[in-house]
Amino acid sequence: QVRIPSWVDEGNISVSINNTVVPASLSEDRYLQFKGLKKGDTVTIAYPLRRMEICECVNGKDYTAEWRGDTVTGISPGGSIYPIFERKWMETEEAPKTDCMPYEHQPGGPVHW
């Protein structure tokens, strides 16, 4: 099972298994379920990430946080001593990819999120 964020429209989800598109159907609790997968199968889930700006007041000072999906990509005004969330490189439309399978081996048993 893979949980899909609440802000994702079900109609915008694309799922493929081994490069073959398959129908995507969310359960009521927002999970995609996969049955019959075999060792070595590759599952790809794609959906557009939301973009938004949220204004917050902290100790009487206004800040604007820029979000992409569930990640803050920028805060304005930035810090002068220790600026954080300088992630403009995350604003591209193409996700960063690797040439290998970074999650191929999981020592210690299955992952439970």
PDB file of N, CA and C in Angstrom:
ATOM      1  N   GLN A   1       0.841  -1.179   0.000  1.00  0.00           N
ATOM      2  CA  GLN A   1       0.000   0.000   0.000  1.00  0.00           C
ATOM      3  C   GLN A   1       0.886   1.241   0.000  1.00  0.00           C
ATOM      4  N   VAL A   2       0.415   2.267  -0.720  1.00  0.00           N
ATOM      5  CA  VAL A   2       1.119   3.538  -0.758  1.00  0.00           C
ATOM      6  C   VAL A   2       0.092   4.627  -0.470  1.00  0.00           C
ATOM      7  N   ARG A   3       0.371   5.454   0.567  1.00  0.00           N
ATOM      8  CA  ARG A   3      -0.547   6.537   0.913  1.00  0.00           C
ATOM      9  C   ARG A   3      -0.318   7.719  -0.016  1.00  0.00           C
ATOM     10  N   ILE A   4      -1.407   8.274  -0.507  1.00  0.00           N
ATOM     11  CA  ILE A   4      -1.363   9.429  -1.385  1.00  0.00           C
ATOM     12  C   ILE A   4      -1.832  10.647  -0.577  1.00  0.00           C
ATOM     13  N   PRO A   5      -1.129  11.784  -0.650  1.00  0.00           N
ATOM     14  CA  PRO A   5      -1.525  12.964   0.127  1.00  0.00           C
ATOM     15  C   PRO A   5      -2.959  13.405  -0.162  1.00  0.00           C
ATOM     16  N   SER A   6      -3.585  13.999   0.836  1.00  0.00           N
ATOM     17  CA  SER A   6      -4.997  14.404   0.719  1.00  0.00           C
ATOM     18  C   SER A   6      -5.223  15.455  -0.359  1.00  0.00           C
ATOM     19  N   TRP A   7      -4.216  16.236  -0.703  1.00  0.00           N
ATOM     20  CA  TRP A   7      -4.382  17.306  -1.680  1.00  0.00           C
ATOM     21  C   TRP A   7      -4.266  16.822  -3.126  1.00  0.00           C
ATOM     22  N   VAL A   8      -3.996  15.542  -3.355  1.00  0.00           N
ATOM     23  CA  VAL A   8      -3.869  15.012  -4.718  1.00  0.00           C
ATOM     24  C   VAL A   8      -5.242  14.588  -5.225  1.00  0.00           C
ATOM     25  N   ASP A   9      -5.620  15.080  -6.404  1.00  0.00           N
ATOM     26  CA  ASP A   9      -6.865  14.689  -7.056  1.00  0.00           C
ATOM     27  C   ASP A   9      -6.675  13.304  -7.670  1.00  0.00           C
ATOM     28  N   GLU A  10      -7.568  12.379  -7.345  1.00  0.00           N
ATOM     29  CA  GLU A  10      -7.445  10.999  -7.828  1.00  0.00           C
ATOM     30  C   GLU A  10      -7.330  10.934  -9.349  1.00  0.00           C
ATOM     31  N   GLY A  11      -7.994  11.842 -10.046  1.00  0.00           N
ATOM     32  CA  GLY A  11      -7.937  11.846 -11.508  1.00  0.00           C
ATOM     33  C   GLY A  11      -6.590  12.230 -12.081  1.00  0.00           C
ATOM     34  N   ASN A  12      -5.697  12.771 -11.231  1.00  0.00           N
ATOM     35  CA  ASN A  12      -4.373  13.188 -11.692  1.00  0.00           C
ATOM     36  C   ASN A  12      -3.274  12.190 -11.341  1.00  0.00           C
ATOM     37  N   ILE A  13      -3.658  11.017 -10.852  1.00  0.00           N
ATOM     38  CA  ILE A  13      -2.670  10.006 -10.470  1.00  0.00           C
ATOM     39  C   ILE A  13      -2.431   9.064 -11.647  1.00  0.00           C
ATOM     40  N   SER A  14      -1.160   8.837 -11.951  1.00  0.00           N
ATOM     41  CA  SER A  14      -0.787   7.891 -12.997  1.00  0.00           C
ATOM     42  C   SER A  14       0.061   6.789 -12.363  1.00  0.00           C
ATOM     43  N   VAL A  15      -0.315   5.538 -12.624  1.00  0.00           N
ATOM     44  CA  VAL A  15       0.414   4.403 -12.056  1.00  0.00           C
ATOM     45  C   VAL A  15       0.842   3.471 -13.185  1.00  0.00           C
ATOM     46  N   SER A  16       2.085   3.005 -13.093  1.00  0.00           N
ATOM     47  CA  SER A  16       2.541   1.988 -14.045  1.00  0.00           C
ATOM     48  C   SER A  16       3.341   0.934 -13.290  1.00  0.00           C
ATOM     49  N   ILE A  17       3.259  -0.278 -13.788  1.00  0.00           N
ATOM     50  CA  ILE A  17       4.043  -1.390 -13.253  1.00  0.00           C
ATOM     51  C   ILE A  17       4.875  -1.936 -14.400  1.00  0.00           C
ATOM     52  N   ASN A  18       6.186  -1.920 -14.228  1.00  0.00           N
ATOM     53  CA  ASN A  18       7.112  -2.349 -15.288  1.00  0.00           C
ATOM     54  C   ASN A  18       6.827  -1.634 -16.597  1.00  0.00           C
ATOM     55  N   ASN A  19       6.612  -0.311 -16.507  1.00  0.00           N
ATOM     56  CA  ASN A  19       6.361   0.566 -17.658  1.00  0.00           C
ATOM     57  C   ASN A  19       5.035   0.317 -18.362  1.00  0.00           C
ATOM     58  N   THR A  20       4.114  -0.424 -17.740  1.00  0.00           N
ATOM     59  CA  THR A  20       2.774  -0.626 -18.291  1.00  0.00           C
ATOM     60  C   THR A  20       1.782   0.118 -17.408  1.00  0.00           C
ATOM     61  N   VAL A  21       1.033   1.044 -17.997  1.00  0.00           N
ATOM     62  CA  VAL A  21       0.067   1.836 -17.234  1.00  0.00           C
ATOM     63  C   VAL A  21      -1.044   0.931 -16.726  1.00  0.00           C
ATOM     64  N   VAL A  22      -1.369   1.095 -15.445  1.00  0.00           N
ATOM     65  CA  VAL A  22      -2.447   0.330 -14.823  1.00  0.00           C
ATOM     66  C   VAL A  22      -3.419   1.322 -14.177  1.00  0.00           C
ATOM     67  N   PRO A  23      -4.693   0.929 -13.981  1.00  0.00           N
ATOM     68  CA  PRO A  23      -5.648   1.836 -13.358  1.00  0.00           C
ATOM     69  C   PRO A  23      -5.260   2.129 -11.905  1.00  0.00           C
ATOM     70  N   ALA A  24      -5.517   3.364 -11.482  1.00  0.00           N
ATOM     71  CA  ALA A  24      -5.248   3.766 -10.098  1.00  0.00           C
ATOM     72  C   ALA A  24      -6.575   4.007  -9.398  1.00  0.00           C
ATOM     73  N   SER A  25      -6.753   3.369  -8.262  1.00  0.00           N
ATOM     74  CA  SER A  25      -7.974   3.542  -7.486  1.00  0.00           C
ATOM     75  C   SER A  25      -7.608   3.696  -6.018  1.00  0.00           C
ATOM     76  N   LEU A  26      -8.001   4.829  -5.448  1.00  0.00           N
ATOM     77  CA  LEU A  26      -7.697   5.103  -4.045  1.00  0.00           C
ATOM     78  C   LEU A  26      -8.747   4.497  -3.133  1.00  0.00           C
ATOM     79  N   SER A  27      -8.295   3.946  -2.009  1.00  0.00           N
ATOM     80  CA  SER A  27      -9.235   3.496  -0.983  1.00  0.00           C
ATOM     81  C   SER A  27      -9.743   4.740  -0.238  1.00  0.00           C
ATOM     82  N   GLU A  28     -10.743   4.546   0.603  1.00  0.00           N
ATOM     83  CA  GLU A  28     -11.306   5.681   1.347  1.00  0.00           C
ATOM     84  C   GLU A  28     -10.265   6.361   2.226  1.00  0.00           C
ATOM     85  N   ASP A  29      -9.285   5.616   2.704  1.00  0.00           N
ATOM     86  CA  ASP A  29      -8.253   6.216   3.550  1.00  0.00           C
ATOM     87  C   ASP A  29      -7.021   6.658   2.749  1.00  0.00           C
ATOM     88  N   ARG A  30      -7.185   6.831   1.412  1.00  0.00           N
ATOM     89  CA  ARG A  30      -6.200   7.430   0.517  1.00  0.00           C
ATOM     90  C   ARG A  30      -4.974   6.560   0.255  1.00  0.00           C
ATOM     91  N   TYR A  31      -5.175   5.259   0.175  1.00  0.00           N
ATOM     92  CA  TYR A  31      -4.081   4.348  -0.163  1.00  0.00           C
ATOM     93  C   TYR A  31      -4.307   3.740  -1.542  1.00  0.00           C
ATOM     94  N   LEU A  32      -3.206   3.604  -2.304  1.00  0.00           N
ATOM     95  CA  LEU A  32      -3.204   2.771  -3.500  1.00  0.00           C
ATOM     96  C   LEU A  32      -2.759   1.390  -3.050  1.00  0.00           C
ATOM     97  N   GLN A  33      -3.455   0.374  -3.509  1.00  0.00           N
ATOM     98  CA  GLN A  33      -3.095  -0.980  -3.119  1.00  0.00           C
ATOM     99  C   GLN A  33      -2.586  -1.745  -4.334  1.00  0.00           C
ATOM    100  N   PHE A  34      -1.536  -2.516  -4.110  1.00  0.00           N
ATOM    101  CA  PHE A  34      -0.936  -3.311  -5.170  1.00  0.00           C
ATOM    102  C   PHE A  34      -0.906  -4.764  -4.735  1.00  0.00           C
ATOM    103  N   LYS A  35      -1.492  -5.615  -5.547  1.00  0.00           N
ATOM    104  CA  LYS A  35      -1.498  -7.047  -5.250  1.00  0.00           C
ATOM    105  C   LYS A  35      -0.841  -7.778  -6.412  1.00  0.00           C
ATOM    106  N   GLY A  36      -0.191  -8.869  -6.097  1.00  0.00           N
ATOM    107  CA  GLY A  36       0.424  -9.696  -7.136  1.00  0.00           C
ATOM    108  C   GLY A  36       1.761  -9.190  -7.628  1.00  0.00           C
ATOM    109  N   LEU A  37       2.369  -8.249  -6.933  1.00  0.00           N
ATOM    110  CA  LEU A  37       3.701  -7.793  -7.343  1.00  0.00           C
ATOM    111  C   LEU A  37       4.717  -8.897  -7.088  1.00  0.00           C
ATOM    112  N   LYS A  38       5.720  -8.941  -7.960  1.00  0.00           N
ATOM    113  CA  LYS A  38       6.778  -9.932  -7.821  1.00  0.00           C
ATOM    114  C   LYS A  38       8.099  -9.217  -7.571  1.00  0.00           C
ATOM    115  N   LYS A  39       9.034  -9.929  -6.977  1.00  0.00           N
ATOM    116  CA  LYS A  39      10.359  -9.384  -6.748  1.00  0.00           C
ATOM    117  C   LYS A  39      10.914  -8.885  -8.082  1.00  0.00           C
ATOM    118  N   GLY A  40      11.421  -7.667  -8.066  1.00  0.00           N
ATOM    119  CA  GLY A  40      11.982  -7.078  -9.279  1.00  0.00           C
ATOM    120  C   GLY A  40      11.011  -6.184 -10.037  1.00  0.00           C
ATOM    121  N   ASP A  41       9.712  -6.227  -9.704  1.00  0.00           N
ATOM    122  CA  ASP A  41       8.744  -5.330 -10.352  1.00  0.00           C
ATOM    123  C   ASP A  41       9.066  -3.884  -9.981  1.00  0.00           C
ATOM    124  N   THR A  42       8.843  -2.982 -10.925  1.00  0.00           N
ATOM    125  CA  THR A  42       9.036  -1.559 -10.690  1.00  0.00           C
ATOM    126  C   THR A  42       7.683  -0.869 -10.762  1.00  0.00           C
ATOM    127  N   VAL A  43       7.306  -0.197  -9.673  1.00  0.00           N
ATOM    128  CA  VAL A  43       6.042   0.542  -9.606  1.00  0.00           C
ATOM    129  C   VAL A  43       6.374   2.029  -9.680  1.00  0.00           C
ATOM    130  N   THR A  44       5.705   2.734 -10.582  1.00  0.00           N
ATOM    131  CA  THR A  44       5.887   4.174 -10.723  1.00  0.00           C
ATOM    132  C   THR A  44       4.552   4.852 -10.443  1.00  0.00           C
ATOM    133  N   ILE A  45       4.555   5.803  -9.524  1.00  0.00           N
ATOM    134  CA  ILE A  45       3.362   6.583  -9.183  1.00  0.00           C
ATOM    135  C   ILE A  45       3.693   8.045  -9.453  1.00  0.00           C
ATOM    136  N   ALA A  46       2.873   8.712 -10.239  1.00  0.00           N
ATOM    137  CA  ALA A  46       3.120  10.117 -10.569  1.00  0.00           C
ATOM    138  C   ALA A  46       1.855  10.935 -10.362  1.00  0.00           C
ATOM    139  N   TYR A  47       2.026  12.129  -9.829  1.00  0.00           N
ATOM    140  CA  TYR A  47       0.943  13.107  -9.696  1.00  0.00           C
ATOM    141  C   TYR A  47       1.575  14.487  -9.566  1.00  0.00           C
ATOM    142  N   PRO A  48       0.837  15.527  -9.973  1.00  0.00           N
ATOM    143  CA  PRO A  48       1.401  16.875  -9.870  1.00  0.00           C
ATOM    144  C   PRO A  48       1.509  17.316  -8.413  1.00  0.00           C
ATOM    145  N   LEU A  49       2.609  17.984  -8.099  1.00  0.00           N
ATOM    146  CA  LEU A  49       2.784  18.510  -6.754  1.00  0.00           C
ATOM    147  C   LEU A  49       2.092  19.860  -6.626  1.00  0.00           C
ATOM    148  N   ARG A  50       1.461  20.079  -5.492  1.00  0.00           N
ATOM    149  CA  ARG A  50       0.820  21.377  -5.275  1.00  0.00           C
ATOM    150  C   ARG A  50       1.905  22.418  -5.038  1.00  0.00           C
ATOM    151  N   ARG A  51       1.575  23.623  -5.411  1.00  0.00           N
ATOM    152  CA  ARG A  51       2.436  24.778  -5.142  1.00  0.00           C
ATOM    153  C   ARG A  51       1.581  25.809  -4.429  1.00  0.00           C
ATOM    154  N   MET A  52       2.131  26.350  -3.348  1.00  0.00           N
ATOM    155  CA  MET A  52       1.381  27.370  -2.631  1.00  0.00           C
ATOM    156  C   MET A  52       2.325  28.220  -1.800  1.00  0.00           C
ATOM    157  N   GLU A  53       1.834  29.396  -1.444  1.00  0.00           N
ATOM    158  CA  GLU A  53       2.547  30.276  -0.538  1.00  0.00           C
ATOM    159  C   GLU A  53       1.681  30.485   0.687  1.00  0.00           C
ATOM    160  N   ILE A  54       2.303  30.416   1.855  1.00  0.00           N
ATOM    161  CA  ILE A  54       1.577  30.622   3.104  1.00  0.00           C
ATOM    162  C   ILE A  54       2.291  31.719   3.873  1.00  0.00           C
ATOM    163  N   CYS A  55       1.529  32.710   4.327  1.00  0.00           N
ATOM    164  CA  CYS A  55       2.086  33.798   5.136  1.00  0.00           C
ATOM    165  C   CYS A  55       1.892  33.463   6.608  1.00  0.00           C
ATOM    166  N   GLU A  56       2.958  33.616   7.377  1.00  0.00           N
ATOM    167  CA  GLU A  56       2.937  33.353   8.818  1.00  0.00           C
ATOM    168  C   GLU A  56       3.547  34.542   9.542  1.00  0.00           C
ATOM    169  N   CYS A  57       3.061  34.806  10.743  1.00  0.00           N
ATOM    170  CA  CYS A  57       3.635  35.847  11.581  1.00  0.00           C
ATOM    171  C   CYS A  57       4.315  35.156  12.763  1.00  0.00           C
ATOM    172  N   VAL A  58       5.620  35.424  12.913  1.00  0.00           N
ATOM    173  CA  VAL A  58       6.401  34.837  14.006  1.00  0.00           C
ATOM    174  C   VAL A  58       7.054  35.976  14.783  1.00  0.00           C
ATOM    175  N   ASN A  59       6.723  36.073  16.062  1.00  0.00           N
ATOM    176  CA  ASN A  59       7.264  37.144  16.917  1.00  0.00           C
ATOM    177  C   ASN A  59       7.086  38.524  16.309  1.00  0.00           C
ATOM    178  N   GLY A  60       5.914  38.740  15.705  1.00  0.00           N
ATOM    179  CA  GLY A  60       5.587  40.043  15.138  1.00  0.00           C
ATOM    180  C   GLY A  60       6.180  40.308  13.767  1.00  0.00           C
ATOM    181  N   LYS A  61       6.857  39.334  13.175  1.00  0.00           N
ATOM    182  CA  LYS A  61       7.456  39.518  11.849  1.00  0.00           C
ATOM    183  C   LYS A  61       6.763  38.587  10.861  1.00  0.00           C
ATOM    184  N   ASP A  62       6.408  39.129   9.692  1.00  0.00           N
ATOM    185  CA  ASP A  62       5.724  38.339   8.665  1.00  0.00           C
ATOM    186  C   ASP A  62       6.733  37.610   7.780  1.00  0.00           C
ATOM    187  N   TYR A  63       6.431  36.323   7.525  1.00  0.00           N
ATOM    188  CA  TYR A  63       7.241  35.486   6.640  1.00  0.00           C
ATOM    189  C   TYR A  63       6.320  34.830   5.617  1.00  0.00           C
ATOM    190  N   THR A  64       6.838  34.621   4.428  1.00  0.00           N
ATOM    191  CA  THR A  64       6.120  33.890   3.396  1.00  0.00           C
ATOM    192  C   THR A  64       6.884  32.604   3.101  1.00  0.00           C
ATOM    193  N   ALA A  65       6.203  31.475   3.270  1.00  0.00           N
ATOM    194  CA  ALA A  65       6.810  30.172   2.983  1.00  0.00           C
ATOM    195  C   ALA A  65       6.276  29.679   1.645  1.00  0.00           C
ATOM    196  N   GLU A  66       7.182  29.286   0.770  1.00  0.00           N
ATOM    197  CA  GLU A  66       6.818  28.719  -0.528  1.00  0.00           C
ATOM    198  C   GLU A  66       6.880  27.199  -0.408  1.00  0.00           C
ATOM    199  N   TRP A  67       5.803  26.548  -0.801  1.00  0.00           N
ATOM    200  CA  TRP A  67       5.687  25.091  -0.689  1.00  0.00           C
ATOM    201  C   TRP A  67       5.577  24.467  -2.065  1.00  0.00           C
ATOM    202  N   ARG A  68       6.187  23.309  -2.216  1.00  0.00           N
ATOM    203  CA  ARG A  68       5.985  22.446  -3.388  1.00  0.00           C
ATOM    204  C   ARG A  68       5.755  21.053  -2.834  1.00  0.00           C
ATOM    205  N   GLY A  69       4.549  20.548  -3.008  1.00  0.00           N
ATOM    206  CA  GLY A  69       4.188  19.291  -2.377  1.00  0.00           C
ATOM    207  C   GLY A  69       4.207  19.473  -0.875  1.00  0.00           C
ATOM    208  N   ASP A  70       4.920  18.628  -0.165  1.00  0.00           N
ATOM    209  CA  ASP A  70       5.044  18.729   1.288  1.00  0.00           C
ATOM    210  C   ASP A  70       6.399  19.288   1.708  1.00  0.00           C
ATOM    211  N   THR A  71       7.049  20.033   0.817  1.00  0.00           N
ATOM    212  CA  THR A  71       8.391  20.545   1.086  1.00  0.00           C
ATOM    213  C   THR A  71       8.426  22.060   0.971  1.00  0.00           C
ATOM    214  N   VAL A  72       9.014  22.720   1.965  1.00  0.00           N
ATOM    215  CA  VAL A  72       9.241  24.160   1.887  1.00  0.00           C
ATOM    216  C   VAL A  72      10.440  24.379   0.973  1.00  0.00           C
ATOM    217  N   THR A  73      10.250  25.194  -0.067  1.00  0.00           N
ATOM    218  CA  THR A  73      11.335  25.462  -1.009  1.00  0.00           C
ATOM    219  C   THR A  73      11.945  26.847  -0.825  1.00  0.00           C
ATOM    220  N   GLY A  74      11.303  27.691  -0.026  1.00  0.00           N
ATOM    221  CA  GLY A  74      11.847  29.019   0.215  1.00  0.00           C
ATOM    222  C   GLY A  74      11.090  29.739   1.314  1.00  0.00           C
ATOM    223  N   ILE A  75      11.789  30.612   2.015  1.00  0.00           N
ATOM    224  CA  ILE A  75      11.168  31.477   3.019  1.00  0.00           C
ATOM    225  C   ILE A  75      11.655  32.890   2.752  1.00  0.00           C
ATOM    226  N   SER A  76      10.707  33.820   2.786  1.00  0.00           N
ATOM    227  CA  SER A  76      11.034  35.211   2.558  1.00  0.00           C
ATOM    228  C   SER A  76      10.430  36.047   3.678  1.00  0.00           C
ATOM    229  N   PRO A  77      11.159  36.954   4.284  1.00  0.00           N
ATOM    230  CA  PRO A  77      12.565  37.219   4.030  1.00  0.00           C
ATOM    231  C   PRO A  77      13.439  36.105   4.585  1.00  0.00           C
ATOM    232  N   GLY A  78      14.571  35.898   3.945  1.00  0.00           N
ATOM    233  CA  GLY A  78      15.499  34.857   4.382  1.00  0.00           C
ATOM    234  C   GLY A  78      16.278  35.279   5.608  1.00  0.00           C
ATOM    235  N   GLY A  79      16.855  34.324   6.274  1.00  0.00           N
ATOM    236  CA  GLY A  79      17.674  34.633   7.443  1.00  0.00           C
ATOM    237  C   GLY A  79      18.966  35.308   7.050  1.00  0.00           C
ATOM    238  N   SER A  80      19.451  36.228   7.888  1.00  0.00           N
ATOM    239  CA  SER A  80      20.706  36.920   7.575  1.00  0.00           C
ATOM    240  C   SER A  80      21.910  36.198   8.162  1.00  0.00           C
ATOM    241  N   ILE A  81      21.737  35.560   9.316  1.00  0.00           N
ATOM    242  CA  ILE A  81      22.854  34.850   9.940  1.00  0.00           C
ATOM    243  C   ILE A  81      22.916  33.416   9.442  1.00  0.00           C
ATOM    244  N   TYR A  82      21.778  32.748   9.425  1.00  0.00           N
ATOM    245  CA  TYR A  82      21.730  31.346   9.009  1.00  0.00           C
ATOM    246  C   TYR A  82      20.507  31.138   8.127  1.00  0.00           C
ATOM    247  N   PRO A  83      20.614  31.476   6.839  1.00  0.00           N
ATOM    248  CA  PRO A  83      19.466  31.295   5.953  1.00  0.00           C
ATOM    249  C   PRO A  83      19.153  29.816   5.735  1.00  0.00           C
ATOM    250  N   ILE A  84      17.877  29.472   5.826  1.00  0.00           N
ATOM    251  CA  ILE A  84      17.455  28.088   5.618  1.00  0.00           C
ATOM    252  C   ILE A  84      16.413  28.034   4.513  1.00  0.00           C
ATOM    253  N   PHE A  85      16.110  26.841   4.070  1.00  0.00           N
ATOM    254  CA  PHE A  85      15.123  26.591   3.030  1.00  0.00           C
ATOM    255  C   PHE A  85      15.445  27.331   1.747  1.00  0.00           C
ATOM    256  N   GLU A  86      16.703  27.299   1.343  1.00  0.00           N
ATOM    257  CA  GLU A  86      17.096  27.842   0.046  1.00  0.00           C
ATOM    258  C   GLU A  86      17.112  26.687  -0.937  1.00  0.00           C
ATOM    259  N   ARG A  87      15.944  26.385  -1.470  1.00  0.00           N
ATOM    260  CA  ARG A  87      15.772  25.183  -2.300  1.00  0.00           C
ATOM    261  C   ARG A  87      15.146  25.504  -3.658  1.00  0.00           C
ATOM    262  N   LYS A  88      15.555  26.577  -4.282  1.00  0.00           N
ATOM    263  CA  LYS A  88      14.995  26.941  -5.593  1.00  0.00           C
ATOM    264  C   LYS A  88      15.257  25.846  -6.637  1.00  0.00           C
ATOM    265  N   TRP A  89      16.304  25.039  -6.416  1.00  0.00           N
ATOM    266  CA  TRP A  89      16.602  23.955  -7.350  1.00  0.00           C
ATOM    267  C   TRP A  89      15.469  22.930  -7.389  1.00  0.00           C
ATOM    268  N   MET A  90      14.581  22.942  -6.393  1.00  0.00           N
ATOM    269  CA  MET A  90      13.460  21.997  -6.360  1.00  0.00           C
ATOM    270  C   MET A  90      12.259  22.491  -7.173  1.00  0.00           C
ATOM    271  N   GLU A  91      12.355  23.656  -7.782  1.00  0.00           N
ATOM    272  CA  GLU A  91      11.232  24.227  -8.521  1.00  0.00           C
ATOM    273  C   GLU A  91      11.131  23.724  -9.958  1.00  0.00           C
ATOM    274  N   THR A  92      11.975  22.802 -10.380  1.00  0.00           N
ATOM    275  CA  THR A  92      11.904  22.283 -11.744  1.00  0.00           C
ATOM    276  C   THR A  92      10.710  21.337 -11.886  1.00  0.00           C
ATOM    277  N   GLU A  93      10.273  21.123 -13.091  1.00  0.00           N
ATOM    278  CA  GLU A  93       9.151  20.223 -13.348  1.00  0.00           C
ATOM    279  C   GLU A  93       9.575  18.758 -13.379  1.00  0.00           C
ATOM    280  N   GLU A  94      10.855  18.507 -13.594  1.00  0.00           N
ATOM    281  CA  GLU A  94      11.371  17.145 -13.688  1.00  0.00           C
ATOM    282  C   GLU A  94      11.988  16.736 -12.348  1.00  0.00           C
ATOM    283  N   ALA A  95      11.540  15.608 -11.816  1.00  0.00           N
ATOM    284  CA  ALA A  95      12.092  15.119 -10.550  1.00  0.00           C
ATOM    285  C   ALA A  95      13.523  14.642 -10.760  1.00  0.00           C
ATOM    286  N   PRO A  96      14.395  14.863  -9.751  1.00  0.00           N
ATOM    287  CA  PRO A  96      15.754  14.329  -9.890  1.00  0.00           C
ATOM    288  C   PRO A  96      15.716  12.807  -9.884  1.00  0.00           C
ATOM    289  N   LYS A  97      16.506  12.201 -10.758  1.00  0.00           N
ATOM    290  CA  LYS A  97      16.489  10.743 -10.884  1.00  0.00           C
ATOM    291  C   LYS A  97      17.911  10.209 -10.800  1.00  0.00           C
ATOM    292  N   THR A  98      18.014   8.950 -10.432  1.00  0.00           N
ATOM    293  CA  THR A  98      19.310   8.283 -10.394  1.00  0.00           C
ATOM    294  C   THR A  98      19.320   7.163 -11.419  1.00  0.00           C
ATOM    295  N   ASP A  99      20.504   6.715 -11.754  1.00  0.00           N
ATOM    296  CA  ASP A  99      20.633   5.616 -12.713  1.00  0.00           C
ATOM    297  C   ASP A  99      20.550   4.258 -12.044  1.00  0.00           C
ATOM    298  N   CYS A 100      20.435   4.237 -10.714  1.00  0.00           N
ATOM    299  CA  CYS A 100      20.398   2.963 -10.001  1.00  0.00           C
ATOM    300  C   CYS A 100      19.075   2.852  -9.239  1.00  0.00           C
ATOM    301  N   MET A 101      18.891   1.759  -8.559  1.00  0.00           N
ATOM    302  CA  MET A 101      17.707   1.550  -7.733  1.00  0.00           C
ATOM    303  C   MET A 101      18.095   1.835  -6.285  1.00  0.00           C
ATOM    304  N   PRO A 102      17.888   3.069  -5.793  1.00  0.00           N
ATOM    305  CA  PRO A 102      18.387   3.418  -4.456  1.00  0.00           C
ATOM    306  C   PRO A 102      17.693   2.670  -3.323  1.00  0.00           C
ATOM    307  N   TYR A 103      16.541   2.083  -3.560  1.00  0.00           N
ATOM    308  CA  TYR A 103      15.813   1.396  -2.493  1.00  0.00           C
ATOM    309  C   TYR A 103      15.751  -0.106  -2.743  1.00  0.00           C
ATOM    310  N   GLU A 104      16.675  -0.607  -3.531  1.00  0.00           N
ATOM    311  CA  GLU A 104      16.652  -2.010  -3.911  1.00  0.00           C
ATOM    312  C   GLU A 104      16.860  -2.944  -2.726  1.00  0.00           C
ATOM    313  N   HIS A 105      17.747  -2.590  -1.814  1.00  0.00           N
ATOM    314  CA  HIS A 105      18.066  -3.479  -0.702  1.00  0.00           C
ATOM    315  C   HIS A 105      17.689  -2.807   0.615  1.00  0.00           C
ATOM    316  N   GLN A 106      16.899  -3.466   1.419  1.00  0.00           N
ATOM    317  CA  GLN A 106      16.495  -2.948   2.720  1.00  0.00           C
ATOM    318  C   GLN A 106      16.943  -3.910   3.793  1.00  0.00           C
ATOM    319  N   PRO A 107      18.089  -3.637   4.428  1.00  0.00           N
ATOM    320  CA  PRO A 107      18.535  -4.549   5.482  1.00  0.00           C
ATOM    321  C   PRO A 107      17.605  -4.458   6.695  1.00  0.00           C
ATOM    322  N   GLY A 108      17.457  -5.555   7.385  1.00  0.00           N
ATOM    323  CA  GLY A 108      16.674  -5.537   8.615  1.00  0.00           C
ATOM    324  C   GLY A 108      15.209  -5.827   8.441  1.00  0.00           C
ATOM    325  N   GLY A 109      14.775  -6.232   7.262  1.00  0.00           N
ATOM    326  CA  GLY A 109      13.365  -6.584   7.076  1.00  0.00           C
ATOM    327  C   GLY A 109      12.577  -5.498   6.380  1.00  0.00           C
ATOM    328  N   PRO A 110      11.270  -5.677   6.297  1.00  0.00           N
ATOM    329  CA  PRO A 110      10.422  -4.732   5.557  1.00  0.00           C
ATOM    330  C   PRO A 110      10.314  -3.374   6.260  1.00  0.00           C
ATOM    331  N   VAL A 111       9.977  -2.371   5.475  1.00  0.00           N
ATOM    332  CA  VAL A 111       9.779  -1.019   5.984  1.00  0.00           C
ATOM    333  C   VAL A 111       8.291  -0.839   6.280  1.00  0.00           C
ATOM    334  N   HIS A 112       7.961  -0.357   7.452  1.00  0.00           N
ATOM    335  CA  HIS A 112       6.577  -0.072   7.817  1.00  0.00           C
ATOM    336  C   HIS A 112       6.450   1.411   8.126  1.00  0.00           C
ATOM    337  N   TRP A 113       5.807   2.178   7.224  1.00  0.00           N
ATOM    338  CA  TRP A 113       5.645   3.614   7.430  1.00  0.00           C
ATOM    339  C   TRP A 113       4.380   3.884   8.157  1.00  0.00           C
TER     340      TRP A 113
END
